[in-house]
Each structure stands twice: as structure tokens, then as C-alpha cells.
Amino acid sequence: MGGVPPLNEEDAGKLLEQIDENWKIIENRHIERSWSFEDFMGALEFVNSAGEICENEGHHADFEFGWGRVKVIIWTHKINGLTESDFILAAKLDLLD
């Protein structure tokens, strides 16, 4: 994805409308969403499943997790911004709900 310009705010906003409403754009650099779980193992299982999707896509999210919670942060690292593939990955992670 290097050499591709980051999405502008308007285009990123249009793509945001197509994924779960819990995703937020942060400083037009990344998107993030949080999930809640009943316990630590539920959060860990989600991270493992989401990690498998990331690996299959060749596009890797950042995860923050602990007891009963997971936050996923996605951006295209090579350009330090957002691309369409970030929103595609987000949509695939939404399927884990």
C-alpha cells in the first residue's frame, strides 16, 4: 500500500458509514472500535479470531485488551493514514460480533 495517498476526511467518512456504527475515525489517521466481553477468556478468544483474520488479509490491526474488553485500532502503517483496505478489515472484524 505504500505510495497510495491517505484518504481525505470526506472519503473516509463515506466509508465509515458502511461499517458498524461503533467504529470511530481518530484524527483522520486511524479507526478504532471497542468490544466488551464477560471475562478475560472471551476477550482473548476474540483477539485470536481477529488476529487470524488480520493474518489472512495481510493487514494487521493493533489490539489493546484485558479482562472483558478489546480495542482494535486500524490504519495503513506504510502511509500513516487510512485507506479503503482499513475499512474492509473493519467490516470483516464486525462479522465476529
C-alpha atoms as a PDB file:
ATOM      1  CA  MET A   1       0.000   0.000   0.000  1.00  0.00           C
ATOM      2  CA  GLY A   2       2.989   2.327   0.012  1.00  0.00           C
ATOM      3  CA  GLY A   3       2.699   5.192  -2.437  1.00  0.00           C
ATOM      4  CA  VAL A   4      -1.099   5.340  -2.107  1.00  0.00           C
ATOM      5  CA  PRO A   5      -2.256   8.655  -0.642  1.00  0.00           C
ATOM      6  CA  PRO A   6      -4.265   8.524   2.593  1.00  0.00           C
ATOM      7  CA  LEU A   7      -7.996   9.035   2.315  1.00  0.00           C
ATOM      8  CA  ASN A   8      -9.214  12.566   2.825  1.00  0.00           C
ATOM      9  CA  GLU A   9     -11.702  13.225   5.603  1.00  0.00           C
ATOM     10  CA  GLU A  10     -14.741  13.216   3.302  1.00  0.00           C
ATOM     11  CA  ASP A  11     -13.889   9.878   1.651  1.00  0.00           C
ATOM     12  CA  ALA A  12     -13.045   8.275   4.991  1.00  0.00           C
ATOM     13  CA  GLY A  13     -16.387   9.483   6.363  1.00  0.00           C
ATOM     14  CA  LYS A  14     -18.268   7.855   3.481  1.00  0.00           C
ATOM     15  CA  LEU A  15     -16.549   4.524   4.152  1.00  0.00           C
ATOM     16  CA  LEU A  16     -17.209   4.843   7.887  1.00  0.00           C
ATOM     17  CA  GLU A  17     -20.937   4.955   7.132  1.00  0.00           C
ATOM     18  CA  GLN A  18     -20.672   1.462   5.619  1.00  0.00           C
ATOM     19  CA  ILE A  19     -19.329  -0.308   8.726  1.00  0.00           C
ATOM     20  CA  ASP A  20     -20.631  -0.785  12.264  1.00  0.00           C
ATOM     21  CA  GLU A  21     -21.618   2.458  13.953  1.00  0.00           C
ATOM     22  CA  ASN A  22     -19.220   1.790  16.849  1.00  0.00           C
ATOM     23  CA  TRP A  23     -16.157   2.472  14.697  1.00  0.00           C
ATOM     24  CA  LYS A  24     -14.746   5.985  15.085  1.00  0.00           C
ATOM     25  CA  ILE A  25     -12.254   7.896  12.979  1.00  0.00           C
ATOM     26  CA  ILE A  26      -9.495   9.381  15.124  1.00  0.00           C
ATOM     27  CA  GLU A  27      -7.696  12.456  13.727  1.00  0.00           C
ATOM     28  CA  ASN A  28      -8.307  11.102  10.195  1.00  0.00           C
ATOM     29  CA  ARG A  29      -5.329   8.770  10.825  1.00  0.00           C
ATOM     30  CA  HIS A  30      -6.906   5.595  12.155  1.00  0.00           C
ATOM     31  CA  ILE A  31     -10.193   3.929  13.033  1.00  0.00           C
ATOM     32  CA  GLU A  32     -10.941   2.241  16.307  1.00  0.00           C
ATOM     33  CA  ARG A  33     -13.671   0.252  17.959  1.00  0.00           C
ATOM     34  CA  SER A  34     -14.101  -1.391  21.354  1.00  0.00           C
ATOM     35  CA  TRP A  35     -15.885  -4.602  22.308  1.00  0.00           C
ATOM     36  CA  SER A  36     -16.968  -5.811  25.754  1.00  0.00           C
ATOM     37  CA  PHE A  37     -16.902  -9.405  26.979  1.00  0.00           C
ATOM     38  CA  GLU A  38     -17.962 -11.260  30.097  1.00  0.00           C
ATOM     39  CA  ASP A  39     -14.437 -12.283  31.052  1.00  0.00           C
ATOM     40  CA  PHE A  40     -10.781 -12.386  30.084  1.00  0.00           C
ATOM     41  CA  MET A  41     -11.086 -15.568  28.021  1.00  0.00           C
ATOM     42  CA  GLY A  42     -13.871 -14.084  25.893  1.00  0.00           C
ATOM     43  CA  ALA A  43     -11.653 -11.107  25.098  1.00  0.00           C
ATOM     44  CA  LEU A  44      -8.674 -13.355  24.359  1.00  0.00           C
ATOM     45  CA  GLU A  45     -10.706 -15.593  22.043  1.00  0.00           C
ATOM     46  CA  PHE A  46     -11.888 -12.512  20.148  1.00  0.00           C
ATOM     47  CA  VAL A  47      -8.314 -11.241  19.764  1.00  0.00           C
ATOM     48  CA  ASN A  48      -7.183 -14.642  18.489  1.00  0.00           C
ATOM     49  CA  SER A  49     -10.040 -14.792  15.961  1.00  0.00           C
ATOM     50  CA  ALA A  50      -9.467 -11.201  14.861  1.00  0.00           C
ATOM     51  CA  GLY A  51      -5.742 -11.853  14.606  1.00  0.00           C
ATOM     52  CA  GLU A  52      -6.389 -14.773  12.287  1.00  0.00           C
ATOM     53  CA  ILE A  53      -8.483 -12.534  10.026  1.00  0.00           C
ATOM     54  CA  CYS A  54      -5.697  -9.932  10.023  1.00  0.00           C
ATOM     55  CA  GLU A  55      -3.114 -12.551   9.123  1.00  0.00           C
ATOM     56  CA  ASN A  56      -5.281 -13.901   6.294  1.00  0.00           C
ATOM     57  CA  GLU A  57      -5.747 -10.368   4.960  1.00  0.00           C
ATOM     58  CA  GLY A  58      -2.065  -9.473   5.312  1.00  0.00           C
ATOM     59  CA  HIS A  59      -3.228  -6.310   7.084  1.00  0.00           C
ATOM     60  CA  HIS A  60      -2.585  -6.124  10.797  1.00  0.00           C
ATOM     61  CA  ALA A  61      -4.540  -4.205  13.408  1.00  0.00           C
ATOM     62  CA  ASP A  62      -3.303  -3.137  16.811  1.00  0.00           C
ATOM     63  CA  PHE A  63      -5.101  -4.656  19.791  1.00  0.00           C
ATOM     64  CA  GLU A  64      -5.473  -3.417  23.355  1.00  0.00           C
ATOM     65  CA  PHE A  65      -7.168  -5.966  25.568  1.00  0.00           C
ATOM     66  CA  GLY A  66      -7.670  -7.045  29.131  1.00  0.00           C
ATOM     67  CA  TRP A  67     -10.352  -8.513  31.326  1.00  0.00           C
ATOM     68  CA  GLY A  68     -13.645  -8.143  29.467  1.00  0.00           C
ATOM     69  CA  ARG A  69     -12.509  -5.614  26.861  1.00  0.00           C
ATOM     70  CA  VAL A  70     -10.818  -5.297  23.482  1.00  0.00           C
ATOM     71  CA  LYS A  71      -9.989  -2.183  21.492  1.00  0.00           C
ATOM     72  CA  VAL A  72      -8.983  -2.575  17.841  1.00  0.00           C
ATOM     73  CA  ILE A  73      -7.053   0.185  16.087  1.00  0.00           C
ATOM     74  CA  ILE A  74      -6.579   0.043  12.317  1.00  0.00           C
ATOM     75  CA  TRP A  75      -4.595   2.160   9.880  1.00  0.00           C
ATOM     76  CA  THR A  76      -2.248   1.618   6.978  1.00  0.00           C
ATOM     77  CA  HIS A  77       1.156   1.820   8.605  1.00  0.00           C
ATOM     78  CA  LYS A  78       3.135   2.466   5.409  1.00  0.00           C
ATOM     79  CA  ILE A  79       1.357   5.765   4.813  1.00  0.00           C
ATOM     80  CA  ASN A  80       0.430   6.544   8.432  1.00  0.00           C
ATOM     81  CA  GLY A  81      -3.185   7.091   7.397  1.00  0.00           C
ATOM     82  CA  LEU A  82      -6.376   5.475   6.219  1.00  0.00           C
ATOM     83  CA  THR A  83      -7.058   3.547   3.027  1.00  0.00           C
ATOM     84  CA  GLU A  84     -10.068   1.608   1.799  1.00  0.00           C
ATOM     85  CA  SER A  85      -8.445  -1.632   2.970  1.00  0.00           C
ATOM     86  CA  ASP A  86      -8.664  -0.425   6.577  1.00  0.00           C
ATOM     87  CA  PHE A  87     -12.437  -0.226   6.316  1.00  0.00           C
ATOM     88  CA  ILE A  88     -12.607  -3.610   4.618  1.00  0.00           C
ATOM     89  CA  LEU A  89     -10.687  -5.142   7.512  1.00  0.00           C
ATOM     90  CA  ALA A  90     -13.009  -3.398   9.978  1.00  0.00           C
ATOM     91  CA  ALA A  91     -16.055  -4.839   8.201  1.00  0.00           C
ATOM     92  CA  LYS A  92     -14.566  -8.322   8.407  1.00  0.00           C
ATOM     93  CA  LEU A  93     -13.911  -7.904  12.140  1.00  0.00           C
ATOM     94  CA  ASP A  94     -17.525  -6.770  12.564  1.00  0.00           C
ATOM     95  CA  LEU A  95     -18.573 -10.257  11.467  1.00  0.00           C
ATOM     96  CA  LEU A  96     -17.123 -11.618  14.728  1.00  0.00           C
ATOM     97  CA  ASP A  97     -19.965  -9.976  16.713  1.00  0.00           C
END
